[in-house]
């Protein structure tokens, strides 16, 4: 299993590496294969995968299970990101506390975000005290 994980990580690293400039490519790479070769290669890969799934059904079932779980996680992550981005104050409504839960509230009854200053202007003004007498 470790070798498969290593191969996947190395493949991902190679895919994200930048391509060299055209003048540095070797002469053998200058000849582009026709599009029919690409189509034939894709068709043979699909046929081979289809045969593989008929031979190794448990592997394909497990891969399907993992793919469904990853798809669900990706959709949920995008949904949370969309909610966060569309919320005007930057907090997600699904991550915020419900109104019945304990938390800090302001004088107007609105929910306060953690770390938010809940003091009103009247709270910031100190009470008047007469000057101390000299004596």
C-alpha atoms as a PDB file:
ATOM      1  CA  UNK A   1       0.000   0.000   0.000  1.00  0.00           C
ATOM      2  CA  UNK A   2       2.885   2.331   0.732  1.00  0.00           C
ATOM      3  CA  UNK A   3       4.247   2.002  -2.805  1.00  0.00           C
ATOM      4  CA  UNK A   4       0.857   2.902  -4.287  1.00  0.00           C
ATOM      5  CA  UNK A   5       0.633   5.963  -2.068  1.00  0.00           C
ATOM      6  CA  UNK A   6       4.147   6.981  -3.098  1.00  0.00           C
ATOM      7  CA  UNK A   7       3.341   6.515  -6.780  1.00  0.00           C
ATOM      8  CA  UNK A   8       0.199   8.635  -6.472  1.00  0.00           C
ATOM      9  CA  UNK A   9       2.073  11.426  -4.689  1.00  0.00           C
ATOM     10  CA  UNK A  10       4.913  11.377  -7.220  1.00  0.00           C
ATOM     11  CA  UNK A  11       2.434  11.429 -10.110  1.00  0.00           C
ATOM     12  CA  UNK A  12       0.643  14.418  -8.576  1.00  0.00           C
ATOM     13  CA  UNK A  13       3.968  16.200  -8.093  1.00  0.00           C
ATOM     14  CA  UNK A  14       4.985  15.580 -11.715  1.00  0.00           C
ATOM     15  CA  UNK A  15       1.618  16.791 -13.017  1.00  0.00           C
ATOM     16  CA  UNK A  16       1.958  20.095 -11.176  1.00  0.00           C
ATOM     17  CA  UNK A  17       5.549  20.732 -12.252  1.00  0.00           C
ATOM     18  CA  UNK A  18       5.919  23.353 -14.977  1.00  0.00           C
ATOM     19  CA  UNK A  19       6.646  22.217 -18.530  1.00  0.00           C
ATOM     20  CA  UNK A  20      10.036  23.138 -20.016  1.00  0.00           C
ATOM     21  CA  UNK A  21      10.224  25.723 -22.798  1.00  0.00           C
ATOM     22  CA  UNK A  22       9.705  24.457 -26.349  1.00  0.00           C
ATOM     23  CA  UNK A  23      13.358  24.938 -27.358  1.00  0.00           C
ATOM     24  CA  UNK A  24      14.536  22.617 -24.570  1.00  0.00           C
ATOM     25  CA  UNK A  25      12.293  19.747 -25.654  1.00  0.00           C
ATOM     26  CA  UNK A  26      14.164  16.958 -27.441  1.00  0.00           C
ATOM     27  CA  UNK A  27      13.690  16.110 -31.132  1.00  0.00           C
ATOM     28  CA  UNK A  28      11.634  12.976 -30.456  1.00  0.00           C
ATOM     29  CA  UNK A  29       8.958  15.016 -28.699  1.00  0.00           C
ATOM     30  CA  UNK A  30       8.609  17.413 -31.638  1.00  0.00           C
ATOM     31  CA  UNK A  31       6.478  14.927 -33.593  1.00  0.00           C
ATOM     32  CA  UNK A  32       2.903  15.222 -32.331  1.00  0.00           C
ATOM     33  CA  UNK A  33       0.901  12.020 -32.690  1.00  0.00           C
ATOM     34  CA  UNK A  34      -2.379  12.352 -34.537  1.00  0.00           C
ATOM     35  CA  UNK A  35      -5.584  12.759 -32.538  1.00  0.00           C
ATOM     36  CA  UNK A  36      -6.686   9.254 -33.512  1.00  0.00           C
ATOM     37  CA  UNK A  37      -3.799   7.821 -31.486  1.00  0.00           C
ATOM     38  CA  UNK A  38      -4.992   9.704 -28.412  1.00  0.00           C
ATOM     39  CA  UNK A  39      -8.538   8.440 -28.935  1.00  0.00           C
ATOM     40  CA  UNK A  40      -7.334   4.862 -29.464  1.00  0.00           C
ATOM     41  CA  UNK A  41      -5.228   5.048 -26.280  1.00  0.00           C
ATOM     42  CA  UNK A  42      -8.194   6.377 -24.278  1.00  0.00           C
ATOM     43  CA  UNK A  43     -10.491   3.671 -25.645  1.00  0.00           C
ATOM     44  CA  UNK A  44      -8.021   0.909 -24.802  1.00  0.00           C
ATOM     45  CA  UNK A  45      -7.569   2.321 -21.277  1.00  0.00           C
ATOM     46  CA  UNK A  46     -11.354   2.320 -20.740  1.00  0.00           C
ATOM     47  CA  UNK A  47     -11.634  -1.220 -22.110  1.00  0.00           C
ATOM     48  CA  UNK A  48      -8.821  -2.365 -19.831  1.00  0.00           C
ATOM     49  CA  UNK A  49     -10.521  -0.747 -16.818  1.00  0.00           C
ATOM     50  CA  UNK A  50     -13.800  -2.408 -17.725  1.00  0.00           C
ATOM     51  CA  UNK A  51     -12.052  -5.794 -17.873  1.00  0.00           C
ATOM     52  CA  UNK A  52     -10.290  -5.039 -14.606  1.00  0.00           C
ATOM     53  CA  UNK A  53     -13.587  -4.314 -12.846  1.00  0.00           C
ATOM     54  CA  UNK A  54     -15.069  -7.568 -14.139  1.00  0.00           C
ATOM     55  CA  UNK A  55     -12.020  -9.474 -12.834  1.00  0.00           C
ATOM     56  CA  UNK A  56     -11.621  -7.594  -9.542  1.00  0.00           C
ATOM     57  CA  UNK A  57     -15.126  -6.539  -8.510  1.00  0.00           C
ATOM     58  CA  UNK A  58     -14.244  -5.894  -4.862  1.00  0.00           C
ATOM     59  CA  UNK A  59     -11.525  -3.410  -5.822  1.00  0.00           C
ATOM     60  CA  UNK A  60     -13.945  -1.454  -8.008  1.00  0.00           C
ATOM     61  CA  UNK A  61     -16.621  -1.520  -5.292  1.00  0.00           C
ATOM     62  CA  UNK A  62     -14.153  -0.163  -2.758  1.00  0.00           C
ATOM     63  CA  UNK A  63     -12.974   2.516  -5.201  1.00  0.00           C
ATOM     64  CA  UNK A  64     -16.606   3.495  -5.829  1.00  0.00           C
ATOM     65  CA  UNK A  65     -17.212   3.773  -2.067  1.00  0.00           C
ATOM     66  CA  UNK A  66     -14.145   5.988  -1.630  1.00  0.00           C
ATOM     67  CA  UNK A  67     -15.104   8.126  -4.644  1.00  0.00           C
ATOM     68  CA  UNK A  68     -18.620   8.685  -3.269  1.00  0.00           C
ATOM     69  CA  UNK A  69     -17.214   9.689   0.133  1.00  0.00           C
ATOM     70  CA  UNK A  70     -14.713  12.081  -1.446  1.00  0.00           C
ATOM     71  CA  UNK A  71     -17.417  13.587  -3.642  1.00  0.00           C
ATOM     72  CA  UNK A  72     -19.632  14.164  -0.590  1.00  0.00           C
ATOM     73  CA  UNK A  73     -16.783  15.826   1.295  1.00  0.00           C
ATOM     74  CA  UNK A  74     -15.943  18.029  -1.681  1.00  0.00           C
ATOM     75  CA  UNK A  75     -19.567  19.122  -2.136  1.00  0.00           C
ATOM     76  CA  UNK A  76     -19.940  19.853   1.576  1.00  0.00           C
ATOM     77  CA  UNK A  77     -16.694  21.850   1.590  1.00  0.00           C
ATOM     78  CA  UNK A  78     -17.819  23.898  -1.396  1.00  0.00           C
ATOM     79  CA  UNK A  79     -21.194  24.469   0.271  1.00  0.00           C
ATOM     80  CA  UNK A  80     -19.519  25.733   3.467  1.00  0.00           C
ATOM     81  CA  UNK A  81     -17.194  27.932   1.435  1.00  0.00           C
ATOM     82  CA  UNK A  82     -20.117  29.364  -0.528  1.00  0.00           C
ATOM     83  CA  UNK A  83     -22.078  30.075   2.675  1.00  0.00           C
ATOM     84  CA  UNK A  84     -19.029  31.732   4.209  1.00  0.00           C
ATOM     85  CA  UNK A  85     -18.420  33.845   1.102  1.00  0.00           C
ATOM     86  CA  UNK A  86     -22.039  34.932   0.751  1.00  0.00           C
ATOM     87  CA  UNK A  87     -22.474  35.849   4.422  1.00  0.00           C
ATOM     88  CA  UNK A  88     -21.985  39.640   4.804  1.00  0.00           C
ATOM     89  CA  UNK A  89     -20.098  39.530   8.108  1.00  0.00           C
ATOM     90  CA  UNK A  90     -17.873  36.595   7.097  1.00  0.00           C
ATOM     91  CA  UNK A  91     -19.234  33.958   9.492  1.00  0.00           C
ATOM     92  CA  UNK A  92     -21.048  30.910   8.249  1.00  0.00           C
ATOM     93  CA  UNK A  93     -24.634  30.521   9.481  1.00  0.00           C
ATOM     94  CA  UNK A  94     -24.178  26.756   9.818  1.00  0.00           C
ATOM     95  CA  UNK A  95     -21.110  27.250  12.019  1.00  0.00           C
ATOM     96  CA  UNK A  96     -22.671  29.951  14.213  1.00  0.00           C
ATOM     97  CA  UNK A  97     -24.337  29.069  17.502  1.00  0.00           C
ATOM     98  CA  UNK A  98     -28.089  28.639  17.557  1.00  0.00           C
ATOM     99  CA  UNK A  99     -30.188  31.302  19.355  1.00  0.00           C
ATOM    100  CA  UNK A 100     -31.057  28.939  22.229  1.00  0.00           C
ATOM    101  CA  UNK A 101     -27.425  28.144  23.010  1.00  0.00           C
ATOM    102  CA  UNK A 102     -25.366  30.027  25.557  1.00  0.00           C
ATOM    103  CA  UNK A 103     -23.312  32.905  24.297  1.00  0.00           C
ATOM    104  CA  UNK A 104     -22.701  36.614  24.577  1.00  0.00           C
ATOM    105  CA  UNK A 105     -25.536  38.863  23.496  1.00  0.00           C
ATOM    106  CA  UNK A 106     -25.591  42.588  23.041  1.00  0.00           C
ATOM    107  CA  UNK A 107     -28.149  44.930  24.557  1.00  0.00           C
ATOM    108  CA  UNK A 108     -30.251  44.758  21.396  1.00  0.00           C
ATOM    109  CA  UNK A 109     -30.423  40.926  21.607  1.00  0.00           C
ATOM    110  CA  UNK A 110     -28.225  40.238  18.569  1.00  0.00           C
ATOM    111  CA  UNK A 111     -25.687  37.436  18.807  1.00  0.00           C
ATOM    112  CA  UNK A 112     -22.139  38.644  19.222  1.00  0.00           C
ATOM    113  CA  UNK A 113     -19.210  36.992  17.532  1.00  0.00           C
ATOM    114  CA  UNK A 114     -16.455  35.703  19.817  1.00  0.00           C
ATOM    115  CA  UNK A 115     -13.946  38.455  20.474  1.00  0.00           C
ATOM    116  CA  UNK A 116     -16.346  41.172  19.352  1.00  0.00           C
ATOM    117  CA  UNK A 117     -16.577  44.289  21.505  1.00  0.00           C
ATOM    118  CA  UNK A 118     -20.079  44.292  23.032  1.00  0.00           C
ATOM    119  CA  UNK A 119     -19.758  47.582  24.912  1.00  0.00           C
ATOM    120  CA  UNK A 120     -22.134  50.393  24.028  1.00  0.00           C
ATOM    121  CA  UNK A 121     -21.038  54.013  23.734  1.00  0.00           C
ATOM    122  CA  UNK A 122     -22.532  54.810  27.160  1.00  0.00           C
ATOM    123  CA  UNK A 123     -20.429  51.997  28.689  1.00  0.00           C
ATOM    124  CA  UNK A 124     -17.221  53.568  27.393  1.00  0.00           C
ATOM    125  CA  UNK A 125     -17.873  56.995  28.980  1.00  0.00           C
ATOM    126  CA  UNK A 126     -16.563  57.063  32.581  1.00  0.00           C
ATOM    127  CA  UNK A 127     -18.805  58.266  35.387  1.00  0.00           C
ATOM    128  CA  UNK A 128     -18.267  61.865  36.470  1.00  0.00           C
ATOM    129  CA  UNK A 129     -16.349  62.373  39.684  1.00  0.00           C
ATOM    130  CA  UNK A 130     -15.675  65.719  41.293  1.00  0.00           C
ATOM    131  CA  UNK A 131     -12.057  66.765  41.492  1.00  0.00           C
ATOM    132  CA  UNK A 132     -10.191  65.710  44.574  1.00  0.00           C
ATOM    133  CA  UNK A 133      -9.764  68.504  47.096  1.00  0.00           C
ATOM    134  CA  UNK A 134      -6.312  69.709  47.960  1.00  0.00           C
ATOM    135  CA  UNK A 135      -5.735  69.683  51.559  1.00  0.00           C
END
